[in-house]
Amino acid sequence: MVVAVCCCNGACTGTEQAGPVAATSAGMSGGGVLPAERLTTWNPGIPGGIPARTTVCATINASTYGDGTQDASAGIQAAIDACPAGQVVQLSAGNFLVNGVFSGGFDYPITIEKGIVLRGAGPTATRLRKTSSADNPVILIGQRRLEEAASANLTANAPKGATSVQVTSAAGFSVGQLVVVDELTDNSYVYWGKDPAVAPGGPGRGWFTRYDRPVGQMLEVASISGNTVSFTTPLHIAFDTAHTAQLTRWTIPYGAKYAGVEDLYVRGGRDDNITIRLGMFCWIRNVESDWSSGDSFGLDSSFRSVIRDSYVHDPADPYPGGGGGRGGR
C-alpha cells in the first residue's frame, strides 16, 4: 500500500516513488469497496525519490550563537541565501534560537526559496527553538503569502484521467509553472457540515482553498498549445464547466523547487513549525516537531512534496479543528 499525505487543493504527496498503482481501499487489488469511478492512478512523491545532497556550502555552529542564548536566524538565513542550488547548509549539534529575521518592521521565518537543503546533525542533536509571539513558522519552504495572478475558465469539461484542459485564454501560463484547477461546490458529493461558518456565503468556505472551491488539484504545466494547457500528471477527479471550473496561476511560477529540511528538531512555531507553500518536489525528512501552533508540518498549494521518517507531538493547542494543533495538513 502506498502511504501518502494529501495537502491543500488536492495536491497529494507521499513516499518514495513506487510506480503507478490503482488506489483501492487498503491497497487491495480488485474487489475493493471503492467504486471504479473513485479509483485513480496513484504515483505520488518526488520522481526518483528524495535527492541525495552531499556538497556542504556552509556550516553554522551553535557555539557561534551561545548554544541557543543568541538569535541565530540572520546567520542561518544569510548562509541559505548564499548557498548554490543543489548544496547543503549544515547546522552543527547544539541549540539554536530562531525567532526570525527582522525586516521592514516584521519578523520573517527562516526561508528557503531555492533548491538547497537545511540539514542538522539529527533531531536529538540539532534543536531549533522559537520563543517569540510572531505568527510565523520556524522554517518556511517557498512563499509565506500567495497572490493570485489570474484565472481562466475551462471551456470544456475535463474528465478524470485527462492530462490537459481547454481554457478561455492561456495567456500568462507557462511551462514549468505550478497551477491549480478547481471548481465551485458540487452538492452532489461535497458536504460542508453544519457549522454556520461553512454555510453558503460563510467565511469558512475560504479557509483552506479558493473561496467555495473545496475540490481542486495542484498541477505542473508541461506544454501549451493555443488555449490547451497540458500537465505532467493526470487529473484525479473530473472538473466541469457547470461548476465554473477554473485554471489559476500565481504571480510567481513556484515558491521553491527541490528544497528540503532534514535531521533536526523544531519547537515553538506559530502558524506551523515548518510550512511548505507553493513547493515543487520539496521534502521534510527525519524531523521532530514539538509545541507548534497550527500544523506541525503544513503543506499548502504544493506539488509532489514529501514528509517522511518524522515525529510530531505535543502541540501547543491540542484542540480538534480550527486553529488547534494538528500533525499536518
C-alpha atoms as a PDB file:
ATOM      1  CA  MET A   1       0.000   0.000   0.000  1.00  0.00           C
ATOM      2  CA  VAL A   2       1.280   3.468  -0.845  1.00  0.00           C
ATOM      3  CA  VAL A   3       1.111   5.818   2.138  1.00  0.00           C
ATOM      4  CA  ALA A   4       0.631   9.472   1.274  1.00  0.00           C
ATOM      5  CA  VAL A   5      -0.198  12.863   2.689  1.00  0.00           C
ATOM      6  CA  CYS A   6      -2.743  14.959   0.816  1.00  0.00           C
ATOM      7  CA  CYS A   7      -2.266  18.699   1.047  1.00  0.00           C
ATOM      8  CA  CYS A   8      -4.445  21.683   0.295  1.00  0.00           C
ATOM      9  CA  ASN A   9      -6.099  21.829  -3.133  1.00  0.00           C
ATOM     10  CA  GLY A  10      -5.795  18.094  -3.657  1.00  0.00           C
ATOM     11  CA  ALA A  11      -2.047  18.026  -4.357  1.00  0.00           C
ATOM     12  CA  CYS A  12      -1.049  14.650  -2.967  1.00  0.00           C
ATOM     13  CA  THR A  13       2.437  13.718  -1.882  1.00  0.00           C
ATOM     14  CA  GLY A  14       3.858  10.649  -0.269  1.00  0.00           C
ATOM     15  CA  THR A  15       6.624   8.106  -0.001  1.00  0.00           C
ATOM     16  CA  GLU A  16       9.426   7.452  -2.468  1.00  0.00           C
ATOM     17  CA  GLN A  17       8.067   6.943  -5.959  1.00  0.00           C
ATOM     18  CA  ALA A  18       6.788   3.390  -6.166  1.00  0.00           C
ATOM     19  CA  GLY A  19       5.307   3.297  -9.668  1.00  0.00           C
ATOM     20  CA  PRO A  20       1.678   3.822 -10.701  1.00  0.00           C
ATOM     21  CA  VAL A  21      -0.878   1.808  -8.750  1.00  0.00           C
ATOM     22  CA  ALA A  22      -4.646   1.841  -8.583  1.00  0.00           C
ATOM     23  CA  ALA A  23      -5.644   3.489  -5.305  1.00  0.00           C
ATOM     24  CA  THR A  24      -8.011   0.866  -3.896  1.00  0.00           C
ATOM     25  CA  SER A  25      -9.294   0.514  -0.377  1.00  0.00           C
ATOM     26  CA  ALA A  26      -6.493  -0.651   1.948  1.00  0.00           C
ATOM     27  CA  GLY A  27      -4.338  -1.291  -1.104  1.00  0.00           C
ATOM     28  CA  MET A  28      -6.418  -4.327  -2.178  1.00  0.00           C
ATOM     29  CA  SER A  29      -6.238  -5.414  -5.802  1.00  0.00           C
ATOM     30  CA  GLY A  30      -9.702  -5.862  -7.224  1.00  0.00           C
ATOM     31  CA  GLY A  31     -12.920  -6.319  -5.308  1.00  0.00           C
ATOM     32  CA  GLY A  32     -12.275  -3.224  -3.190  1.00  0.00           C
ATOM     33  CA  VAL A  33     -15.040  -1.275  -1.514  1.00  0.00           C
ATOM     34  CA  LEU A  34     -14.490   1.822  -3.669  1.00  0.00           C
ATOM     35  CA  PRO A  35     -16.479   2.098  -6.896  1.00  0.00           C
ATOM     36  CA  ALA A  36     -14.439   2.256 -10.093  1.00  0.00           C
ATOM     37  CA  GLU A  37     -15.188   5.939 -10.660  1.00  0.00           C
ATOM     38  CA  ARG A  38     -13.490   6.761  -7.344  1.00  0.00           C
ATOM     39  CA  LEU A  39     -10.212   4.992  -8.199  1.00  0.00           C
ATOM     40  CA  THR A  40      -7.208   6.746  -9.699  1.00  0.00           C
ATOM     41  CA  THR A  41      -3.697   6.033 -10.910  1.00  0.00           C
ATOM     42  CA  TRP A  42      -1.570   6.662  -7.825  1.00  0.00           C
ATOM     43  CA  ASN A  43       2.049   7.661  -8.358  1.00  0.00           C
ATOM     44  CA  PRO A  44       2.953  10.099  -5.572  1.00  0.00           C
ATOM     45  CA  GLY A  45       6.177  11.643  -4.366  1.00  0.00           C
ATOM     46  CA  ILE A  46       9.354  13.011  -5.882  1.00  0.00           C
ATOM     47  CA  PRO A  47      10.271  11.205  -9.114  1.00  0.00           C
ATOM     48  CA  GLY A  48      13.282   9.047  -8.306  1.00  0.00           C
ATOM     49  CA  GLY A  49      12.960   9.743  -4.577  1.00  0.00           C
ATOM     50  CA  ILE A  50      14.455  12.454  -2.376  1.00  0.00           C
ATOM     51  CA  PRO A  51      17.760  13.531  -3.943  1.00  0.00           C
ATOM     52  CA  ALA A  52      20.944  12.803  -2.006  1.00  0.00           C
ATOM     53  CA  ARG A  53      22.749  16.101  -1.424  1.00  0.00           C
ATOM     54  CA  THR A  54      26.359  15.793  -0.226  1.00  0.00           C
ATOM     55  CA  THR A  55      28.114  19.102  -1.007  1.00  0.00           C
ATOM     56  CA  VAL A  56      28.090  21.413   2.023  1.00  0.00           C
ATOM     57  CA  CYS A  57      28.219  25.117   1.146  1.00  0.00           C
ATOM     58  CA  ALA A  58      28.286  26.377   4.758  1.00  0.00           C
ATOM     59  CA  THR A  59      28.359  25.054   8.320  1.00  0.00           C
ATOM     60  CA  ILE A  60      26.669  27.018  11.111  1.00  0.00           C
ATOM     61  CA  ASN A  61      27.889  26.217  14.611  1.00  0.00           C
ATOM     62  CA  ALA A  62      25.591  26.539  17.595  1.00  0.00           C
ATOM     63  CA  SER A  63      28.524  27.765  19.679  1.00  0.00           C
ATOM     64  CA  THR A  64      28.761  30.884  17.483  1.00  0.00           C
ATOM     65  CA  TYR A  65      25.381  31.915  18.904  1.00  0.00           C
ATOM     66  CA  GLY A  66      25.917  30.905  22.516  1.00  0.00           C
ATOM     67  CA  ASP A  67      24.308  27.482  22.096  1.00  0.00           C
ATOM     68  CA  GLY A  68      20.802  28.958  21.992  1.00  0.00           C
ATOM     69  CA  THR A  69      21.321  32.134  24.023  1.00  0.00           C
ATOM     70  CA  GLN A  70      21.651  34.435  20.973  1.00  0.00           C
ATOM     71  CA  ASP A  71      19.377  34.515  17.948  1.00  0.00           C
ATOM     72  CA  ALA A  72      20.893  32.638  15.003  1.00  0.00           C
ATOM     73  CA  SER A  73      18.180  33.447  12.444  1.00  0.00           C
ATOM     74  CA  ALA A  74      20.124  36.064  10.481  1.00  0.00           C
ATOM     75  CA  GLY A  75      23.233  33.892  10.248  1.00  0.00           C
ATOM     76  CA  ILE A  76      21.293  30.849   9.069  1.00  0.00           C
ATOM     77  CA  GLN A  77      19.326  32.926   6.556  1.00  0.00           C
ATOM     78  CA  ALA A  78      22.494  34.513   5.156  1.00  0.00           C
ATOM     79  CA  ALA A  79      24.016  31.065   4.629  1.00  0.00           C
ATOM     80  CA  ILE A  80      20.851  29.852   2.869  1.00  0.00           C
ATOM     81  CA  ASP A  81      20.760  32.910   0.613  1.00  0.00           C
ATOM     82  CA  ALA A  82      24.403  32.433  -0.393  1.00  0.00           C
ATOM     83  CA  CYS A  83      24.209  28.662  -0.911  1.00  0.00           C
ATOM     84  CA  PRO A  84      24.184  27.440  -4.535  1.00  0.00           C
ATOM     85  CA  ALA A  85      21.275  25.238  -5.604  1.00  0.00           C
ATOM     86  CA  GLY A  86      21.905  21.540  -5.051  1.00  0.00           C
ATOM     87  CA  GLN A  87      24.009  22.035  -1.913  1.00  0.00           C
ATOM     88  CA  VAL A  88      23.551  21.857   1.872  1.00  0.00           C
ATOM     89  CA  VAL A  89      23.581  24.346   4.719  1.00  0.00           C
ATOM     90  CA  GLN A  90      24.769  22.214   7.644  1.00  0.00           C
ATOM     91  CA  LEU A  91      23.788  23.023  11.225  1.00  0.00           C
ATOM     92  CA  SER A  92      26.005  21.620  13.968  1.00  0.00           C
ATOM     93  CA  ALA A  93      24.779  19.766  17.004  1.00  0.00           C
ATOM     94  CA  GLY A  94      23.513  22.124  19.686  1.00  0.00           C
ATOM     95  CA  ASN A  95      20.732  24.605  20.346  1.00  0.00           C
ATOM     96  CA  PHE A  96      19.661  27.420  18.008  1.00  0.00           C
ATOM     97  CA  LEU A  97      17.350  30.290  18.963  1.00  0.00           C
ATOM     98  CA  VAL A  98      15.460  31.259  15.779  1.00  0.00           C
ATOM     99  CA  ASN A  99      12.901  33.997  16.342  1.00  0.00           C
ATOM    100  CA  GLY A 100      13.129  35.128  12.728  1.00  0.00           C
ATOM    101  CA  VAL A 101      14.816  37.757  10.618  1.00  0.00           C
ATOM    102  CA  PHE A 102      13.586  41.287  11.313  1.00  0.00           C
ATOM    103  CA  SER A 103      12.990  43.344   8.170  1.00  0.00           C
ATOM    104  CA  GLY A 104      10.662  46.212   7.342  1.00  0.00           C
ATOM    105  CA  GLY A 105       9.060  46.137  10.769  1.00  0.00           C
ATOM    106  CA  PHE A 106       8.285  42.403  10.657  1.00  0.00           C
ATOM    107  CA  ASP A 107       9.885  39.144  11.748  1.00  0.00           C
ATOM    108  CA  TYR A 108      10.172  36.599   8.947  1.00  0.00           C
ATOM    109  CA  PRO A 109      10.818  32.881   9.403  1.00  0.00           C
ATOM    110  CA  ILE A 110      13.929  31.161   8.130  1.00  0.00           C
ATOM    111  CA  THR A 111      13.001  30.905   4.446  1.00  0.00           C
ATOM    112  CA  ILE A 112      14.186  28.559   1.695  1.00  0.00           C
ATOM    113  CA  GLU A 113      13.222  29.679  -1.812  1.00  0.00           C
ATOM    114  CA  LYS A 114      15.618  27.597  -3.909  1.00  0.00           C
ATOM    115  CA  GLY A 115      16.786  24.019  -4.214  1.00  0.00           C
ATOM    116  CA  ILE A 116      19.019  23.680  -1.166  1.00  0.00           C
ATOM    117  CA  VAL A 117      18.836  21.535   1.961  1.00  0.00           C
ATOM    118  CA  LEU A 118      18.917  22.772   5.554  1.00  0.00           C
ATOM    119  CA  ARG A 119      20.316  19.819   7.496  1.00  0.00           C
ATOM    120  CA  GLY A 120      21.085  19.217  11.142  1.00  0.00           C
ATOM    121  CA  ALA A 121      23.064  16.521  12.927  1.00  0.00           C
ATOM    122  CA  GLY A 122      19.890  14.622  13.856  1.00  0.00           C
ATOM    123  CA  PRO A 123      16.696  15.544  15.748  1.00  0.00           C
ATOM    124  CA  THR A 124      18.202  14.642  19.109  1.00  0.00           C
ATOM    125  CA  ALA A 125      21.322  16.729  18.424  1.00  0.00           C
ATOM    126  CA  THR A 126      20.333  19.864  16.462  1.00  0.00           C
ATOM    127  CA  ARG A 127      17.461  21.737  18.130  1.00  0.00           C
ATOM    128  CA  LEU A 128      15.804  24.881  16.708  1.00  0.00           C
ATOM    129  CA  ARG A 129      13.592  26.815  19.103  1.00  0.00           C
ATOM    130  CA  LYS A 130      11.305  29.807  18.508  1.00  0.00           C
ATOM    131  CA  THR A 131      10.190  31.775  21.560  1.00  0.00           C
ATOM    132  CA  SER A 132       8.672  34.938  20.032  1.00  0.00           C
ATOM    133  CA  SER A 133       4.920  35.541  19.629  1.00  0.00           C
ATOM    134  CA  ALA A 134       5.203  36.404  15.923  1.00  0.00           C
ATOM    135  CA  ASP A 135       2.728  34.340  13.898  1.00  0.00           C
ATOM    136  CA  ASN A 136       5.348  32.628  11.774  1.00  0.00           C
ATOM    137  CA  PRO A 137       6.593  29.079  11.361  1.00  0.00           C
ATOM    138  CA  VAL A 138      10.129  28.236  12.410  1.00  0.00           C
ATOM    139  CA  ILE A 139      11.043  27.332   8.807  1.00  0.00           C
ATOM    140  CA  LEU A 140       9.298  28.167   5.537  1.00  0.00           C
ATOM    141  CA  ILE A 141       9.971  26.401   2.243  1.00  0.00           C
ATOM    142  CA  GLY A 142       8.513  28.508  -0.566  1.00  0.00           C
ATOM    143  CA  GLN A 143       6.296  31.563  -0.142  1.00  0.00           C
ATOM    144  CA  ARG A 144       4.699  32.927   3.021  1.00  0.00           C
ATOM    145  CA  ARG A 145       1.795  34.642   1.240  1.00  0.00           C
ATOM    146  CA  LEU A 146       0.441  33.737  -2.184  1.00  0.00           C
ATOM    147  CA  GLU A 147      -1.011  36.238  -4.613  1.00  0.00           C
ATOM    148  CA  GLU A 148      -3.173  35.039  -7.460  1.00  0.00           C
ATOM    149  CA  ALA A 149      -2.321  36.468 -10.868  1.00  0.00           C
ATOM    150  CA  ALA A 150      -5.293  35.325 -12.957  1.00  0.00           C
ATOM    151  CA  SER A 151      -7.835  32.567 -13.529  1.00  0.00           C
ATOM    152  CA  ALA A 152      -9.171  31.198 -16.794  1.00  0.00           C
ATOM    153  CA  ASN A 153     -12.479  29.330 -17.044  1.00  0.00           C
ATOM    154  CA  LEU A 154     -12.472  25.889 -18.612  1.00  0.00           C
ATOM    155  CA  THR A 155     -14.373  25.850 -21.901  1.00  0.00           C
ATOM    156  CA  ALA A 156     -14.978  22.087 -21.854  1.00  0.00           C
ATOM    157  CA  ASN A 157     -15.414  19.501 -19.150  1.00  0.00           C
ATOM    158  CA  ALA A 158     -12.161  17.821 -18.038  1.00  0.00           C
ATOM    159  CA  PRO A 159     -12.658  14.117 -17.278  1.00  0.00           C
ATOM    160  CA  LYS A 160     -10.765  12.194 -14.645  1.00  0.00           C
ATOM    161  CA  GLY A 161      -7.529  10.898 -16.151  1.00  0.00           C
ATOM    162  CA  ALA A 162      -7.177  13.798 -18.589  1.00  0.00           C
ATOM    163  CA  THR A 163      -3.735  15.397 -18.878  1.00  0.00           C
ATOM    164  CA  SER A 164      -4.913  18.695 -20.364  1.00  0.00           C
ATOM    165  CA  VAL A 165      -7.672  21.277 -20.138  1.00  0.00           C
ATOM    166  CA  GLN A 166      -9.100  23.812 -22.560  1.00  0.00           C
ATOM    167  CA  VAL A 167      -9.406  27.367 -21.228  1.00  0.00           C
ATOM    168  CA  THR A 168     -10.763  30.699 -22.428  1.00  0.00           C
ATOM    169  CA  SER A 169      -7.213  32.055 -22.675  1.00  0.00           C
ATOM    170  CA  ALA A 170      -3.803  30.550 -21.936  1.00  0.00           C
ATOM    171  CA  ALA A 171      -2.152  33.966 -21.772  1.00  0.00           C
ATOM    172  CA  GLY A 172       0.219  34.187 -18.802  1.00  0.00           C
ATOM    173  CA  PHE A 173       0.546  30.435 -18.310  1.00  0.00           C
ATOM    174  CA  SER A 174       3.992  28.941 -18.924  1.00  0.00           C
ATOM    175  CA  VAL A 175       5.758  25.576 -18.968  1.00  0.00           C
ATOM    176  CA  GLY A 176       7.050  24.518 -15.547  1.00  0.00           C
ATOM    177  CA  GLN A 177       4.566  26.698 -13.688  1.00  0.00           C
ATOM    178  CA  LEU A 178       2.509  25.470 -10.734  1.00  0.00           C
ATOM    179  CA  VAL A 179      -1.226  25.941 -11.234  1.00  0.00           C
ATOM    180  CA  VAL A 180      -4.437  24.767  -9.604  1.00  0.00           C
ATOM    181  CA  VAL A 181      -7.581  23.516 -11.289  1.00  0.00           C
ATOM    182  CA  ASP A 182     -10.696  23.714  -9.125  1.00  0.00           C
ATOM    183  CA  GLU A 183     -14.445  24.195  -9.259  1.00  0.00           C
ATOM    184  CA  LEU A 184     -17.327  25.573  -7.223  1.00  0.00           C
ATOM    185  CA  THR A 185     -19.036  23.325  -4.681  1.00  0.00           C
ATOM    186  CA  ASP A 186     -20.779  20.350  -6.272  1.00  0.00           C
ATOM    187  CA  ASN A 187     -23.507  19.437  -3.793  1.00  0.00           C
ATOM    188  CA  SER A 188     -23.906  16.002  -5.370  1.00  0.00           C
ATOM    189  CA  TYR A 189     -20.860  14.809  -3.428  1.00  0.00           C
ATOM    190  CA  VAL A 190     -19.469  17.704  -1.316  1.00  0.00           C
ATOM    191  CA  TYR A 191     -20.815  18.053   2.234  1.00  0.00           C
ATOM    192  CA  TRP A 192     -19.675  21.083   4.215  1.00  0.00           C
ATOM    193  CA  GLY A 193     -21.188  20.134   7.559  1.00  0.00           C
ATOM    194  CA  LYS A 194     -23.462  22.086   9.882  1.00  0.00           C
ATOM    195  CA  ASP A 195     -21.152  24.760  11.256  1.00  0.00           C
ATOM    196  CA  PRO A 196     -22.622  28.197  10.377  1.00  0.00           C
ATOM    197  CA  ALA A 197     -19.158  29.323   9.275  1.00  0.00           C
ATOM    198  CA  VAL A 198     -19.302  26.955   6.286  1.00  0.00           C
ATOM    199  CA  ALA A 199     -22.891  27.656   5.281  1.00  0.00           C
ATOM    200  CA  PRO A 200     -23.311  29.170   1.794  1.00  0.00           C
ATOM    201  CA  GLY A 201     -21.656  32.599   1.908  1.00  0.00           C
ATOM    202  CA  GLY A 202     -19.871  31.809   5.195  1.00  0.00           C
ATOM    203  CA  PRO A 203     -16.192  32.650   5.733  1.00  0.00           C
ATOM    204  CA  GLY A 204     -15.211  29.039   6.382  1.00  0.00           C
ATOM    205  CA  ARG A 205     -15.609  28.193   2.736  1.00  0.00           C
ATOM    206  CA  GLY A 206     -12.416  30.116   2.048  1.00  0.00           C
ATOM    207  CA  TRP A 207     -10.255  28.998   4.957  1.00  0.00           C
ATOM    208  CA  PHE A 208      -8.216  26.338   3.168  1.00  0.00           C
ATOM    209  CA  THR A 209      -8.967  26.726  -0.543  1.00  0.00           C
ATOM    210  CA  ARG A 210     -10.028  29.378  -3.010  1.00  0.00           C
ATOM    211  CA  TYR A 211     -13.430  30.554  -1.879  1.00  0.00           C
ATOM    212  CA  ASP A 212     -16.190  27.941  -2.196  1.00  0.00           C
ATOM    213  CA  ARG A 213     -13.884  25.704  -4.282  1.00  0.00           C
ATOM    214  CA  PRO A 214     -13.215  22.743  -1.970  1.00  0.00           C
ATOM    215  CA  VAL A 215     -12.179  20.316  -4.719  1.00  0.00           C
ATOM    216  CA  GLY A 216      -9.030  21.048  -6.675  1.00  0.00           C
ATOM    217  CA  GLN A 217      -5.682  19.685  -7.777  1.00  0.00           C
ATOM    218  CA  MET A 218      -2.220  21.195  -8.000  1.00  0.00           C
ATOM    219  CA  LEU A 219      -0.548  20.604 -11.360  1.00  0.00           C
ATOM    220  CA  GLU A 220       2.690  21.343 -13.194  1.00  0.00           C
ATOM    221  CA  VAL A 221       2.314  22.773 -16.704  1.00  0.00           C
ATOM    222  CA  ALA A 222       4.004  20.503 -19.268  1.00  0.00           C
ATOM    223  CA  SER A 223       3.101  22.290 -22.508  1.00  0.00           C
ATOM    224  CA  ILE A 224       0.744  24.859 -24.037  1.00  0.00           C
ATOM    225  CA  SER A 225      -0.813  24.762 -27.490  1.00  0.00           C
ATOM    226  CA  GLY A 226      -3.239  27.556 -28.258  1.00  0.00           C
ATOM    227  CA  ASN A 227      -5.696  27.545 -25.374  1.00  0.00           C
ATOM    228  CA  THR A 228      -4.978  23.943 -24.381  1.00  0.00           C
ATOM    229  CA  VAL A 229      -2.800  23.583 -21.297  1.00  0.00           C
ATOM    230  CA  SER A 230      -1.238  20.155 -20.668  1.00  0.00           C
ATOM    231  CA  PHE A 231       0.135  18.778 -17.400  1.00  0.00           C
ATOM    232  CA  THR A 232       2.800  16.338 -16.206  1.00  0.00           C
ATOM    233  CA  THR A 233       0.250  14.331 -14.184  1.00  0.00           C
ATOM    234  CA  PRO A 234      -3.352  13.284 -14.879  1.00  0.00           C
ATOM    235  CA  LEU A 235      -6.437  14.649 -13.169  1.00  0.00           C
ATOM    236  CA  HIS A 236      -7.546  12.529 -10.206  1.00  0.00           C
ATOM    237  CA  ILE A 237     -11.143  13.736 -10.428  1.00  0.00           C
ATOM    238  CA  ALA A 238     -13.320  15.338 -13.108  1.00  0.00           C
ATOM    239  CA  PHE A 239     -13.873  19.102 -13.317  1.00  0.00           C
ATOM    240  CA  ASP A 240     -16.847  20.544 -15.178  1.00  0.00           C
ATOM    241  CA  THR A 241     -17.992  23.832 -16.658  1.00  0.00           C
ATOM    242  CA  ALA A 242     -21.355  23.564 -14.870  1.00  0.00           C
ATOM    243  CA  HIS A 243     -19.450  24.329 -11.645  1.00  0.00           C
ATOM    244  CA  THR A 244     -17.290  27.029 -13.254  1.00  0.00           C
ATOM    245  CA  ALA A 245     -14.094  25.013 -13.263  1.00  0.00           C
ATOM    246  CA  GLN A 246     -11.048  27.288 -13.495  1.00  0.00           C
ATOM    247  CA  LEU A 247      -7.300  27.109 -14.010  1.00  0.00           C
ATOM    248  CA  THR A 248      -5.436  29.588 -11.781  1.00  0.00           C
ATOM    249  CA  ARG A 249      -1.835  30.787 -11.679  1.00  0.00           C
ATOM    250  CA  TRP A 250       0.037  32.864  -9.125  1.00  0.00           C
ATOM    251  CA  THR A 251       2.329  35.869  -9.538  1.00  0.00           C
ATOM    252  CA  ILE A 252       5.366  33.543  -9.333  1.00  0.00           C
ATOM    253  CA  PRO A 253       5.785  30.179 -11.105  1.00  0.00           C
ATOM    254  CA  TYR A 254       6.513  28.348  -7.836  1.00  0.00           C
ATOM    255  CA  GLY A 255       7.827  29.103  -4.350  1.00  0.00           C
ATOM    256  CA  ALA A 256      10.669  26.581  -4.155  1.00  0.00           C
ATOM    257  CA  LYS A 257      11.780  23.530  -6.114  1.00  0.00           C
ATOM    258  CA  TYR A 258      13.807  20.571  -4.807  1.00  0.00           C
ATOM    259  CA  ALA A 259      14.285  22.147  -1.365  1.00  0.00           C
ATOM    260  CA  GLY A 260      14.367  20.176   1.872  1.00  0.00           C
ATOM    261  CA  VAL A 261      14.748  20.206   5.656  1.00  0.00           C
ATOM    262  CA  GLU A 262      16.403  17.196   7.282  1.00  0.00           C
ATOM    263  CA  ASP A 263      17.722  15.779  10.540  1.00  0.00           C
ATOM    264  CA  LEU A 264      16.706  18.341  13.163  1.00  0.00           C
ATOM    265  CA  TYR A 265      14.195  19.278  15.875  1.00  0.00           C
ATOM    266  CA  VAL A 266      11.856  22.299  15.748  1.00  0.00           C
ATOM    267  CA  ARG A 267       9.783  23.836  18.528  1.00  0.00           C
ATOM    268  CA  GLY A 268       7.566  26.852  19.113  1.00  0.00           C
ATOM    269  CA  GLY A 269       6.298  27.741  15.641  1.00  0.00           C
ATOM    270  CA  ARG A 270       3.127  29.776  15.417  1.00  0.00           C
ATOM    271  CA  ASP A 271       1.147  29.035  12.260  1.00  0.00           C
ATOM    272  CA  ASP A 272       3.067  25.741  11.794  1.00  0.00           C
ATOM    273  CA  ASN A 273       6.532  24.606  12.784  1.00  0.00           C
ATOM    274  CA  ILE A 274       7.521  24.006   9.153  1.00  0.00           C
ATOM    275  CA  THR A 275       5.486  25.143   6.145  1.00  0.00           C
ATOM    276  CA  ILE A 276       5.906  24.120   2.514  1.00  0.00           C
ATOM    277  CA  ARG A 277       3.879  26.537   0.396  1.00  0.00           C
ATOM    278  CA  LEU A 278       3.833  26.553  -3.411  1.00  0.00           C
ATOM    279  CA  GLY A 279       6.621  23.984  -3.319  1.00  0.00           C
ATOM    280  CA  MET A 280       7.539  21.533  -6.075  1.00  0.00           C
ATOM    281  CA  PHE A 281       9.372  18.292  -5.233  1.00  0.00           C
ATOM    282  CA  CYS A 282      10.202  19.550  -1.710  1.00  0.00           C
ATOM    283  CA  TRP A 283      10.568  17.484   1.449  1.00  0.00           C
ATOM    284  CA  ILE A 284      10.764  17.216   5.232  1.00  0.00           C
ATOM    285  CA  ARG A 285      12.702  14.157   6.425  1.00  0.00           C
ATOM    286  CA  ASN A 286      13.798  12.912   9.848  1.00  0.00           C
ATOM    287  CA  VAL A 287      12.462  15.960  11.684  1.00  0.00           C
ATOM    288  CA  GLU A 288      10.932  16.054  15.165  1.00  0.00           C
ATOM    289  CA  SER A 289       8.224  18.692  15.665  1.00  0.00           C
ATOM    290  CA  ASP A 290       7.209  19.806  19.156  1.00  0.00           C
ATOM    291  CA  TRP A 291       4.948  22.503  20.627  1.00  0.00           C
ATOM    292  CA  SER A 292       3.584  24.054  17.430  1.00  0.00           C
ATOM    293  CA  SER A 293       0.505  26.200  16.968  1.00  0.00           C
ATOM    294  CA  GLY A 294      -1.408  25.356  13.818  1.00  0.00           C
ATOM    295  CA  ASP A 295       0.150  22.444  11.943  1.00  0.00           C
ATOM    296  CA  SER A 296       3.324  20.686  12.917  1.00  0.00           C
ATOM    297  CA  PHE A 297       4.071  20.381   9.194  1.00  0.00           C
ATOM    298  CA  GLY A 298       1.925  22.336   6.733  1.00  0.00           C
ATOM    299  CA  LEU A 299       1.822  21.519   3.013  1.00  0.00           C
ATOM    300  CA  ASP A 300      -0.148  24.176   1.192  1.00  0.00           C
ATOM    301  CA  SER A 301      -0.697  24.566  -2.548  1.00  0.00           C
ATOM    302  CA  SER A 302       2.231  22.253  -3.246  1.00  0.00           C
ATOM    303  CA  PHE A 303       3.050  19.529  -5.751  1.00  0.00           C
ATOM    304  CA  ARG A 304       4.653  16.101  -5.254  1.00  0.00           C
ATOM    305  CA  SER A 305       6.234  17.092  -1.944  1.00  0.00           C
ATOM    306  CA  VAL A 306       7.103  14.601   0.775  1.00  0.00           C
ATOM    307  CA  ILE A 307       7.032  14.258   4.569  1.00  0.00           C
ATOM    308  CA  ARG A 308       8.671  11.083   5.819  1.00  0.00           C
ATOM    309  CA  ASP A 309      10.550   9.462   8.721  1.00  0.00           C
ATOM    310  CA  SER A 310       9.468  12.246  11.099  1.00  0.00           C
ATOM    311  CA  TYR A 311       7.831  12.552  14.516  1.00  0.00           C
ATOM    312  CA  VAL A 312       5.259  15.137  15.631  1.00  0.00           C
ATOM    313  CA  HIS A 313       3.928  15.505  19.161  1.00  0.00           C
ATOM    314  CA  ASP A 314       2.678  17.821  21.918  1.00  0.00           C
ATOM    315  CA  PRO A 315       1.075  20.750  20.037  1.00  0.00           C
ATOM    316  CA  ALA A 316       0.650  23.976  21.980  1.00  0.00           C
ATOM    317  CA  ASP A 317      -3.132  23.997  21.392  1.00  0.00           C
ATOM    318  CA  PRO A 318      -4.323  20.384  21.246  1.00  0.00           C
ATOM    319  CA  TYR A 319      -7.858  21.117  20.086  1.00  0.00           C
ATOM    320  CA  PRO A 320      -9.523  19.492  17.076  1.00  0.00           C
ATOM    321  CA  GLY A 321     -10.398  21.671  14.108  1.00  0.00           C
ATOM    322  CA  GLY A 322      -9.898  25.401  13.698  1.00  0.00           C
ATOM    323  CA  GLY A 323      -6.516  26.739  14.728  1.00  0.00           C
ATOM    324  CA  GLY A 324      -5.660  23.972  17.148  1.00  0.00           C
ATOM    325  CA  GLY A 325      -2.706  21.628  16.993  1.00  0.00           C
ATOM    326  CA  ARG A 326      -2.518  19.249  14.065  1.00  0.00           C
ATOM    327  CA  GLY A 327       0.139  16.860  12.883  1.00  0.00           C
ATOM    328  CA  GLY A 328      -0.015  18.042   9.295  1.00  0.00           C
ATOM    329  CA  ARG A 329      -2.223  19.414   6.568  1.00  0.00           C
END
